[in-house]
Amino acid sequence: MEATDDEEYILALANELDLNKDLLIFLAKESTRPSVEVYAQKYNGIVDEKLWLRGYCPICGSKPKMAELQGEEGRRTLLCSFCGNVWFYKRLKCPICESGDPEALKYFYIEGEETACRIDICERCRGYIKTVDSRKISGEVVPFIEDLGSLHLDIIAIKEGYTKVSGNMLGIK
């Protein structure tokens, strides 16, 4: 696989700065995240949620970090991994490959565990996304905390051969 000009530039810059390439990418993303989040807040609502229904952010085009089930009916939203935008998405559809095959879409959680997190998997693309069921949480959902508090679910999914739609703050993908 041939590296793109962007990848070559990042690798050259990382070598020049004597930094790990992944660390350089992390620092660049995190340093721009606050301004991108402001941009996303400004333009949130311009896209018609009922018409979007894509597995990537309508504001910046990034993949979702997590999903959340909200309200009595458990309406599903996706949280952008970069700009923090939230948008509605079909509950029975994979945000990675956009398959709507109910036979391919499954989920798992740790039985008896008092967490509201689960892993939604797609047998078609072998991808997964972590989902928080806010109906099981009495307070506000803080995605970063929910993600870190359920890393063991990521480990199980990865051991089973699934790939996370986007990495978390610790780089687990």
N, C-alpha and C. Protein backbone atom coordinates (compact mmCIF):
# COMPACT_ATOMS: atom_id res chain seq x y z
N MET A 1 0.84 -1.19 0.00
CA MET A 1 0.00 0.00 0.00
C MET A 1 0.88 1.24 0.00
N GLU A 2 0.65 2.12 -0.95
CA GLU A 2 1.46 3.32 -1.10
C GLU A 2 0.95 4.43 -0.18
N ALA A 3 1.87 5.11 0.46
CA ALA A 3 1.50 6.22 1.35
C ALA A 3 1.08 7.43 0.53
N THR A 4 0.12 8.17 1.05
CA THR A 4 -0.31 9.41 0.39
C THR A 4 0.67 10.52 0.75
N ASP A 5 0.55 11.65 0.04
CA ASP A 5 1.40 12.80 0.34
C ASP A 5 1.19 13.26 1.78
N ASP A 6 -0.08 13.23 2.25
CA ASP A 6 -0.36 13.64 3.63
C ASP A 6 0.34 12.72 4.63
N GLU A 7 0.26 11.43 4.38
CA GLU A 7 0.91 10.48 5.30
C GLU A 7 2.42 10.65 5.30
N GLU A 8 2.99 10.88 4.11
CA GLU A 8 4.43 11.10 4.02
C GLU A 8 4.84 12.37 4.76
N TYR A 9 4.03 13.43 4.63
CA TYR A 9 4.32 14.69 5.31
C TYR A 9 4.27 14.50 6.84
N ILE A 10 3.24 13.82 7.31
CA ILE A 10 3.10 13.59 8.75
C ILE A 10 4.27 12.77 9.27
N LEU A 11 4.64 11.73 8.54
CA LEU A 11 5.77 10.89 8.95
C LEU A 11 7.07 11.70 8.97
N ALA A 12 7.29 12.53 7.95
CA ALA A 12 8.50 13.36 7.90
C ALA A 12 8.52 14.37 9.04
N LEU A 13 7.38 14.98 9.32
CA LEU A 13 7.30 15.95 10.42
C LEU A 13 7.53 15.26 11.76
N ALA A 14 6.95 14.09 11.95
CA ALA A 14 7.15 13.34 13.20
C ALA A 14 8.62 12.99 13.38
N ASN A 15 9.28 12.58 12.31
CA ASN A 15 10.72 12.26 12.39
C ASN A 15 11.53 13.51 12.71
N GLU A 16 11.19 14.64 12.08
CA GLU A 16 11.90 15.89 12.31
C GLU A 16 11.75 16.35 13.76
N LEU A 17 10.55 16.17 14.33
CA LEU A 17 10.28 16.58 15.71
C LEU A 17 10.64 15.50 16.73
N ASP A 18 11.08 14.36 16.23
CA ASP A 18 11.40 13.20 17.08
C ASP A 18 10.20 12.79 17.94
N LEU A 19 9.03 12.70 17.27
CA LEU A 19 7.79 12.29 17.92
C LEU A 19 7.24 11.05 17.25
N ASN A 20 6.51 10.28 17.99
CA ASN A 20 5.77 9.16 17.44
C ASN A 20 4.69 9.72 16.51
N LYS A 21 4.50 9.12 15.35
CA LYS A 21 3.53 9.60 14.36
C LYS A 21 2.12 9.67 14.95
N ASP A 22 1.71 8.64 15.69
CA ASP A 22 0.38 8.62 16.28
C ASP A 22 0.22 9.70 17.34
N LEU A 23 1.28 9.98 18.09
CA LEU A 23 1.24 11.06 19.08
C LEU A 23 1.10 12.41 18.39
N LEU A 24 1.81 12.61 17.28
CA LEU A 24 1.70 13.86 16.54
C LEU A 24 0.27 14.06 16.02
N ILE A 25 -0.33 13.02 15.49
CA ILE A 25 -1.70 13.10 14.99
C ILE A 25 -2.66 13.41 16.13
N PHE A 26 -2.47 12.74 17.28
CA PHE A 26 -3.31 12.99 18.45
C PHE A 26 -3.20 14.45 18.89
N LEU A 27 -1.98 14.97 18.99
CA LEU A 27 -1.78 16.36 19.43
C LEU A 27 -2.39 17.35 18.44
N ALA A 28 -2.26 17.09 17.16
CA ALA A 28 -2.84 17.97 16.15
C ALA A 28 -4.37 17.98 16.24
N LYS A 29 -4.95 16.79 16.37
CA LYS A 29 -6.41 16.71 16.48
C LYS A 29 -6.91 17.40 17.74
N GLU A 30 -6.28 17.11 18.86
CA GLU A 30 -6.74 17.67 20.13
C GLU A 30 -6.54 19.18 20.20
N SER A 31 -5.52 19.70 19.54
CA SER A 31 -5.31 21.16 19.58
C SER A 31 -6.32 21.90 18.70
N THR A 32 -6.86 21.24 17.69
CA THR A 32 -7.85 21.89 16.83
C THR A 32 -9.29 21.58 17.26
N ARG A 33 -9.46 20.59 18.11
CA ARG A 33 -10.81 20.16 18.51
C ARG A 33 -11.68 21.30 19.06
N PRO A 34 -11.20 22.18 19.96
CA PRO A 34 -12.08 23.23 20.50
C PRO A 34 -12.66 24.14 19.42
N SER A 35 -11.86 24.54 18.45
CA SER A 35 -12.40 25.42 17.40
C SER A 35 -13.34 24.65 16.48
N VAL A 36 -13.08 23.39 16.25
CA VAL A 36 -13.97 22.57 15.41
C VAL A 36 -15.31 22.36 16.13
N GLU A 37 -15.27 22.19 17.44
CA GLU A 37 -16.52 22.02 18.21
C GLU A 37 -17.38 23.28 18.16
N VAL A 38 -16.75 24.45 18.22
CA VAL A 38 -17.49 25.72 18.10
C VAL A 38 -18.13 25.81 16.71
N TYR A 39 -17.38 25.45 15.70
CA TYR A 39 -17.88 25.44 14.33
C TYR A 39 -19.09 24.49 14.22
N ALA A 40 -18.98 23.31 14.81
CA ALA A 40 -20.07 22.33 14.76
C ALA A 40 -21.32 22.85 15.47
N GLN A 41 -21.15 23.50 16.61
CA GLN A 41 -22.30 24.07 17.33
C GLN A 41 -22.99 25.13 16.50
N LYS A 42 -22.20 25.93 15.78
CA LYS A 42 -22.76 27.00 14.96
C LYS A 42 -23.62 26.44 13.82
N TYR A 43 -23.17 25.34 13.22
CA TYR A 43 -23.86 24.80 12.06
C TYR A 43 -24.78 23.62 12.37
N ASN A 44 -24.82 23.20 13.62
CA ASN A 44 -25.74 22.12 14.00
C ASN A 44 -27.17 22.60 13.77
N GLY A 45 -27.99 21.77 13.19
CA GLY A 45 -29.37 22.13 12.92
C GLY A 45 -29.61 22.59 11.50
N ILE A 46 -28.56 22.88 10.76
CA ILE A 46 -28.73 23.29 9.36
C ILE A 46 -29.11 22.09 8.51
N VAL A 47 -28.53 20.94 8.84
CA VAL A 47 -28.84 19.72 8.09
C VAL A 47 -30.15 19.14 8.62
N ASP A 48 -31.04 18.77 7.74
CA ASP A 48 -32.32 18.16 8.12
C ASP A 48 -32.06 16.75 8.64
N GLU A 49 -32.24 16.56 9.94
CA GLU A 49 -31.96 15.26 10.58
C GLU A 49 -32.77 14.12 9.97
N LYS A 50 -33.97 14.41 9.53
CA LYS A 50 -34.83 13.36 8.98
C LYS A 50 -34.34 12.88 7.62
N LEU A 51 -33.56 13.71 6.94
CA LEU A 51 -33.07 13.34 5.62
C LEU A 51 -31.62 12.85 5.62
N TRP A 52 -30.86 13.17 6.67
CA TRP A 52 -29.42 12.85 6.66
C TRP A 52 -29.20 11.33 6.73
N LEU A 53 -29.44 10.71 7.84
CA LEU A 53 -29.37 9.26 8.04
C LEU A 53 -28.13 8.60 7.44
N ARG A 54 -27.00 9.20 7.64
CA ARG A 54 -25.73 8.64 7.19
C ARG A 54 -24.90 8.26 8.42
N GLY A 55 -23.93 7.39 8.23
CA GLY A 55 -23.09 6.93 9.32
C GLY A 55 -21.88 7.81 9.57
N TYR A 56 -21.84 8.99 8.98
CA TYR A 56 -20.76 9.94 9.23
C TYR A 56 -21.35 11.31 9.51
N CYS A 57 -20.59 12.13 10.18
CA CYS A 57 -21.06 13.43 10.67
C CYS A 57 -21.46 14.36 9.53
N PRO A 58 -22.65 14.98 9.62
CA PRO A 58 -23.07 15.92 8.59
C PRO A 58 -22.31 17.25 8.63
N ILE A 59 -21.58 17.51 9.70
CA ILE A 59 -20.84 18.77 9.83
C ILE A 59 -19.41 18.62 9.32
N CYS A 60 -18.68 17.61 9.82
CA CYS A 60 -17.25 17.50 9.46
C CYS A 60 -16.90 16.23 8.68
N GLY A 61 -17.83 15.29 8.57
CA GLY A 61 -17.58 14.08 7.80
C GLY A 61 -16.85 12.98 8.55
N SER A 62 -16.61 13.16 9.85
CA SER A 62 -15.91 12.14 10.64
C SER A 62 -16.84 11.01 11.05
N LYS A 63 -16.24 9.91 11.46
CA LYS A 63 -17.00 8.76 11.92
C LYS A 63 -17.52 9.01 13.33
N PRO A 64 -18.57 8.31 13.72
CA PRO A 64 -19.08 8.48 15.08
C PRO A 64 -18.17 7.82 16.11
N LYS A 65 -18.16 8.39 17.30
CA LYS A 65 -17.40 7.84 18.42
C LYS A 65 -18.24 6.84 19.19
N MET A 66 -19.49 7.22 19.42
CA MET A 66 -20.41 6.40 20.21
C MET A 66 -21.82 6.63 19.72
N ALA A 67 -22.71 5.77 20.19
CA ALA A 67 -24.14 5.94 19.94
C ALA A 67 -24.83 6.08 21.29
N GLU A 68 -26.03 6.65 21.27
CA GLU A 68 -26.81 6.77 22.50
C GLU A 68 -28.27 6.48 22.18
N LEU A 69 -28.91 5.74 23.07
CA LEU A 69 -30.35 5.49 22.97
C LEU A 69 -31.02 6.45 23.94
N GLN A 70 -31.97 7.26 23.43
CA GLN A 70 -32.57 8.32 24.24
C GLN A 70 -34.09 8.21 24.25
N GLY A 71 -34.66 8.75 25.31
CA GLY A 71 -36.12 8.84 25.42
C GLY A 71 -36.77 7.48 25.62
N GLU A 72 -38.06 7.51 25.87
CA GLU A 72 -38.81 6.28 26.13
C GLU A 72 -38.72 5.29 24.98
N GLU A 73 -38.73 5.81 23.75
CA GLU A 73 -38.70 4.94 22.58
C GLU A 73 -37.28 4.48 22.23
N GLY A 74 -36.27 5.00 22.89
CA GLY A 74 -34.88 4.60 22.63
C GLY A 74 -34.37 5.07 21.29
N ARG A 75 -34.68 6.31 20.95
CA ARG A 75 -34.22 6.87 19.68
C ARG A 75 -32.70 6.94 19.68
N ARG A 76 -32.09 6.55 18.58
CA ARG A 76 -30.63 6.44 18.50
C ARG A 76 -30.00 7.70 17.91
N THR A 77 -28.96 8.19 18.61
CA THR A 77 -28.16 9.28 18.08
C THR A 77 -26.72 8.81 17.99
N LEU A 78 -25.96 9.47 17.13
CA LEU A 78 -24.53 9.21 17.00
C LEU A 78 -23.78 10.46 17.41
N LEU A 79 -22.64 10.27 18.06
CA LEU A 79 -21.77 11.35 18.52
C LEU A 79 -20.52 11.36 17.66
N CYS A 80 -20.24 12.48 17.02
CA CYS A 80 -19.08 12.59 16.15
C CYS A 80 -17.78 12.45 16.95
N SER A 81 -16.84 11.71 16.38
CA SER A 81 -15.56 11.48 17.05
C SER A 81 -14.63 12.68 16.99
N PHE A 82 -14.96 13.67 16.15
CA PHE A 82 -14.06 14.83 16.04
C PHE A 82 -14.70 16.13 16.51
N CYS A 83 -15.84 16.50 15.93
CA CYS A 83 -16.40 17.82 16.26
C CYS A 83 -17.43 17.77 17.38
N GLY A 84 -17.85 16.58 17.80
CA GLY A 84 -18.80 16.46 18.91
C GLY A 84 -20.25 16.65 18.51
N ASN A 85 -20.53 16.81 17.23
CA ASN A 85 -21.91 16.95 16.76
C ASN A 85 -22.69 15.67 17.06
N VAL A 86 -23.98 15.83 17.31
CA VAL A 86 -24.87 14.69 17.56
C VAL A 86 -25.96 14.72 16.50
N TRP A 87 -26.23 13.56 15.90
CA TRP A 87 -27.28 13.47 14.90
C TRP A 87 -28.04 12.16 15.05
N PHE A 88 -29.30 12.17 14.61
CA PHE A 88 -30.13 10.98 14.70
C PHE A 88 -29.74 9.98 13.62
N TYR A 89 -29.91 8.70 13.97
CA TYR A 89 -29.56 7.63 13.04
C TYR A 89 -30.52 6.47 13.29
N LYS A 90 -30.81 5.72 12.26
CA LYS A 90 -31.71 4.57 12.41
C LYS A 90 -31.14 3.59 13.43
N ARG A 91 -32.02 3.07 14.25
CA ARG A 91 -31.58 2.16 15.30
C ARG A 91 -31.12 0.82 14.73
N LEU A 92 -31.79 0.35 13.70
CA LEU A 92 -31.44 -0.93 13.10
C LEU A 92 -30.69 -0.74 11.79
N LYS A 93 -29.54 -0.05 11.90
CA LYS A 93 -28.70 0.16 10.73
C LYS A 93 -27.26 0.33 11.22
N CYS A 94 -26.33 -0.30 10.54
CA CYS A 94 -24.92 -0.21 10.92
C CYS A 94 -24.36 1.15 10.47
N PRO A 95 -23.78 1.93 11.39
CA PRO A 95 -23.22 3.23 11.01
C PRO A 95 -21.90 3.11 10.24
N ILE A 96 -21.36 1.91 10.15
CA ILE A 96 -20.09 1.71 9.46
C ILE A 96 -20.33 1.37 7.98
N CYS A 97 -21.07 0.29 7.74
CA CYS A 97 -21.32 -0.14 6.35
C CYS A 97 -22.74 0.20 5.89
N GLU A 98 -23.54 0.73 6.79
CA GLU A 98 -24.93 1.14 6.53
C GLU A 98 -25.85 -0.01 6.17
N SER A 99 -25.48 -1.22 6.58
CA SER A 99 -26.34 -2.38 6.37
C SER A 99 -27.56 -2.28 7.28
N GLY A 100 -28.72 -2.62 6.74
CA GLY A 100 -29.94 -2.65 7.53
C GLY A 100 -30.44 -4.07 7.73
N ASP A 101 -29.57 -5.05 7.47
CA ASP A 101 -29.93 -6.46 7.60
C ASP A 101 -30.08 -6.82 9.08
N PRO A 102 -31.30 -7.09 9.54
CA PRO A 102 -31.50 -7.39 10.97
C PRO A 102 -30.79 -8.66 11.43
N GLU A 103 -30.49 -9.56 10.51
CA GLU A 103 -29.76 -10.79 10.87
C GLU A 103 -28.28 -10.50 11.17
N ALA A 104 -27.75 -9.43 10.58
CA ALA A 104 -26.33 -9.09 10.76
C ALA A 104 -26.10 -8.16 11.94
N LEU A 105 -27.14 -7.51 12.43
CA LEU A 105 -27.00 -6.52 13.50
C LEU A 105 -27.32 -7.14 14.85
N LYS A 106 -26.35 -7.13 15.75
CA LYS A 106 -26.50 -7.73 17.08
C LYS A 106 -25.86 -6.81 18.11
N TYR A 107 -26.02 -7.15 19.36
CA TYR A 107 -25.33 -6.41 20.41
C TYR A 107 -25.04 -7.34 21.57
N PHE A 108 -24.07 -6.93 22.41
CA PHE A 108 -23.80 -7.70 23.63
C PHE A 108 -23.46 -6.73 24.76
N TYR A 109 -23.62 -7.22 25.96
CA TYR A 109 -23.28 -6.49 27.17
C TYR A 109 -22.92 -7.53 28.23
N ILE A 110 -22.41 -7.08 29.35
CA ILE A 110 -22.05 -7.99 30.43
C ILE A 110 -23.27 -8.14 31.33
N GLU A 111 -23.80 -9.35 31.36
CA GLU A 111 -24.99 -9.60 32.16
C GLU A 111 -24.70 -9.39 33.65
N GLY A 112 -25.60 -8.73 34.33
CA GLY A 112 -25.45 -8.46 35.75
C GLY A 112 -24.65 -7.21 36.05
N GLU A 113 -24.06 -6.63 35.04
CA GLU A 113 -23.27 -5.42 35.22
C GLU A 113 -24.20 -4.22 35.28
N GLU A 114 -23.92 -3.28 36.16
CA GLU A 114 -24.80 -2.13 36.36
C GLU A 114 -24.47 -0.97 35.42
N THR A 115 -23.98 -1.27 34.26
CA THR A 115 -23.63 -0.22 33.31
C THR A 115 -24.72 -0.07 32.25
N ALA A 116 -24.74 1.07 31.65
CA ALA A 116 -25.71 1.33 30.58
C ALA A 116 -25.07 1.15 29.21
N CYS A 117 -23.82 0.68 29.18
CA CYS A 117 -23.10 0.52 27.91
C CYS A 117 -23.25 -0.89 27.35
N ARG A 118 -23.27 -0.92 26.02
CA ARG A 118 -23.27 -2.19 25.31
C ARG A 118 -22.48 -2.00 24.02
N ILE A 119 -22.22 -3.08 23.35
CA ILE A 119 -21.52 -3.05 22.07
C ILE A 119 -22.49 -3.49 20.98
N ASP A 120 -22.70 -2.62 20.00
CA ASP A 120 -23.51 -2.97 18.83
C ASP A 120 -22.55 -3.45 17.75
N ILE A 121 -22.79 -4.65 17.23
CA ILE A 121 -21.90 -5.23 16.23
C ILE A 121 -22.64 -5.47 14.92
N CYS A 122 -21.86 -5.52 13.86
CA CYS A 122 -22.39 -5.84 12.53
C CYS A 122 -21.60 -7.03 12.00
N GLU A 123 -22.28 -8.11 11.75
CA GLU A 123 -21.63 -9.31 11.23
C GLU A 123 -21.20 -9.12 9.77
N ARG A 124 -21.83 -8.19 9.08
CA ARG A 124 -21.50 -7.97 7.67
C ARG A 124 -20.11 -7.34 7.51
N CYS A 125 -19.84 -6.25 8.24
CA CYS A 125 -18.55 -5.57 8.11
C CYS A 125 -17.59 -5.88 9.26
N ARG A 126 -18.07 -6.60 10.27
CA ARG A 126 -17.28 -6.97 11.45
C ARG A 126 -16.84 -5.73 12.24
N GLY A 127 -17.65 -4.68 12.16
CA GLY A 127 -17.37 -3.46 12.90
C GLY A 127 -18.26 -3.36 14.13
N TYR A 128 -17.91 -2.44 15.03
CA TYR A 128 -18.74 -2.21 16.22
C TYR A 128 -18.69 -0.76 16.64
N ILE A 129 -19.73 -0.40 17.39
CA ILE A 129 -19.80 0.92 18.01
C ILE A 129 -20.36 0.72 19.43
N LYS A 130 -19.80 1.46 20.35
CA LYS A 130 -20.29 1.40 21.73
C LYS A 130 -21.55 2.25 21.84
N THR A 131 -22.54 1.72 22.53
CA THR A 131 -23.82 2.42 22.68
C THR A 131 -24.14 2.59 24.16
N VAL A 132 -24.56 3.80 24.52
CA VAL A 132 -24.98 4.10 25.88
C VAL A 132 -26.50 4.21 25.87
N ASP A 133 -27.15 3.46 26.73
CA ASP A 133 -28.60 3.54 26.87
C ASP A 133 -28.89 4.53 28.00
N SER A 134 -29.18 5.79 27.63
CA SER A 134 -29.37 6.84 28.63
C SER A 134 -30.62 6.62 29.47
N ARG A 135 -31.49 5.72 29.03
CA ARG A 135 -32.68 5.41 29.81
C ARG A 135 -32.30 4.68 31.10
N LYS A 136 -31.09 4.15 31.16
CA LYS A 136 -30.61 3.42 32.34
C LYS A 136 -29.72 4.28 33.23
N ILE A 137 -29.57 5.55 32.88
CA ILE A 137 -28.72 6.47 33.65
C ILE A 137 -29.60 7.57 34.23
N SER A 138 -29.47 7.81 35.52
CA SER A 138 -30.31 8.83 36.15
C SER A 138 -29.83 10.25 35.89
N GLY A 139 -28.54 10.44 35.70
CA GLY A 139 -28.00 11.78 35.47
C GLY A 139 -27.67 12.02 34.01
N GLU A 140 -26.82 13.01 33.79
CA GLU A 140 -26.39 13.36 32.44
C GLU A 140 -25.41 12.32 31.90
N VAL A 141 -25.51 12.01 30.63
CA VAL A 141 -24.58 11.10 29.98
C VAL A 141 -23.34 11.88 29.58
N VAL A 142 -22.18 11.43 30.05
CA VAL A 142 -20.90 12.03 29.67
C VAL A 142 -20.17 10.97 28.84
N PRO A 143 -20.20 11.12 27.51
CA PRO A 143 -19.65 10.08 26.64
C PRO A 143 -18.22 9.66 26.96
N PHE A 144 -17.34 10.63 27.26
CA PHE A 144 -15.95 10.31 27.56
C PHE A 144 -15.87 9.36 28.77
N ILE A 145 -16.64 9.66 29.81
CA ILE A 145 -16.63 8.83 31.02
C ILE A 145 -17.22 7.45 30.72
N GLU A 146 -18.32 7.41 30.00
CA GLU A 146 -18.95 6.14 29.65
C GLU A 146 -18.02 5.28 28.80
N ASP A 147 -17.30 5.92 27.90
CA ASP A 147 -16.36 5.20 27.03
C ASP A 147 -15.23 4.60 27.86
N LEU A 148 -14.62 5.41 28.71
CA LEU A 148 -13.51 4.91 29.54
C LEU A 148 -13.96 3.87 30.55
N GLY A 149 -15.17 4.05 31.07
CA GLY A 149 -15.67 3.12 32.08
C GLY A 149 -16.08 1.77 31.53
N SER A 150 -16.05 1.64 30.23
CA SER A 150 -16.47 0.37 29.61
C SER A 150 -15.43 -0.15 28.63
N LEU A 151 -14.17 0.14 28.88
CA LEU A 151 -13.10 -0.34 28.00
C LEU A 151 -13.06 -1.86 27.91
N HIS A 152 -13.51 -2.53 28.97
CA HIS A 152 -13.51 -3.99 28.95
C HIS A 152 -14.40 -4.53 27.83
N LEU A 153 -15.45 -3.78 27.46
CA LEU A 153 -16.30 -4.20 26.34
C LEU A 153 -15.55 -4.08 25.02
N ASP A 154 -14.72 -3.03 24.89
CA ASP A 154 -13.88 -2.90 23.70
C ASP A 154 -12.94 -4.10 23.58
N ILE A 155 -12.35 -4.48 24.69
CA ILE A 155 -11.39 -5.59 24.68
C ILE A 155 -12.08 -6.88 24.24
N ILE A 156 -13.27 -7.12 24.74
CA ILE A 156 -14.02 -8.32 24.35
C ILE A 156 -14.34 -8.28 22.85
N ALA A 157 -14.82 -7.15 22.37
CA ALA A 157 -15.17 -7.03 20.95
C ALA A 157 -13.95 -7.23 20.06
N ILE A 158 -12.83 -6.64 20.43
CA ILE A 158 -11.61 -6.78 19.64
C ILE A 158 -11.14 -8.23 19.64
N LYS A 159 -11.20 -8.89 20.80
CA LYS A 159 -10.81 -10.31 20.87
C LYS A 159 -11.70 -11.19 20.00
N GLU A 160 -12.95 -10.76 19.81
CA GLU A 160 -13.89 -11.52 18.97
C GLU A 160 -13.72 -11.17 17.48
N GLY A 161 -12.80 -10.26 17.17
CA GLY A 161 -12.49 -9.95 15.78
C GLY A 161 -13.24 -8.78 15.18
N TYR A 162 -13.84 -7.94 16.03
CA TYR A 162 -14.56 -6.77 15.54
C TYR A 162 -13.64 -5.55 15.59
N THR A 163 -13.91 -4.56 14.75
CA THR A 163 -13.13 -3.33 14.70
C THR A 163 -14.03 -2.16 15.05
N LYS A 164 -13.54 -1.29 15.93
CA LYS A 164 -14.32 -0.14 16.35
C LYS A 164 -14.39 0.89 15.23
N VAL A 165 -15.57 1.50 15.10
CA VAL A 165 -15.80 2.48 14.03
C VAL A 165 -14.81 3.64 14.14
N SER A 166 -14.48 4.09 15.34
CA SER A 166 -13.45 5.11 15.54
C SER A 166 -12.83 4.88 16.90
N GLY A 167 -11.56 5.25 17.02
CA GLY A 167 -10.83 5.01 18.27
C GLY A 167 -11.31 5.88 19.42
N ASN A 168 -10.89 5.51 20.63
CA ASN A 168 -11.21 6.33 21.79
C ASN A 168 -9.98 7.13 22.18
N MET A 169 -10.07 7.84 23.29
CA MET A 169 -8.98 8.72 23.73
C MET A 169 -7.68 7.96 24.00
N LEU A 170 -7.76 6.66 24.30
CA LEU A 170 -6.57 5.88 24.57
C LEU A 170 -6.02 5.23 23.31
N GLY A 171 -6.67 5.49 22.18
CA GLY A 171 -6.18 4.93 20.92
C GLY A 171 -6.70 3.54 20.62
N ILE A 172 -7.60 3.01 21.46
CA ILE A 172 -8.14 1.68 21.20
C ILE A 172 -9.13 1.80 20.06
N LYS A 173 -8.88 1.01 19.05
CA LYS A 173 -9.76 1.00 17.88
C LYS A 173 -10.10 -0.41 17.51
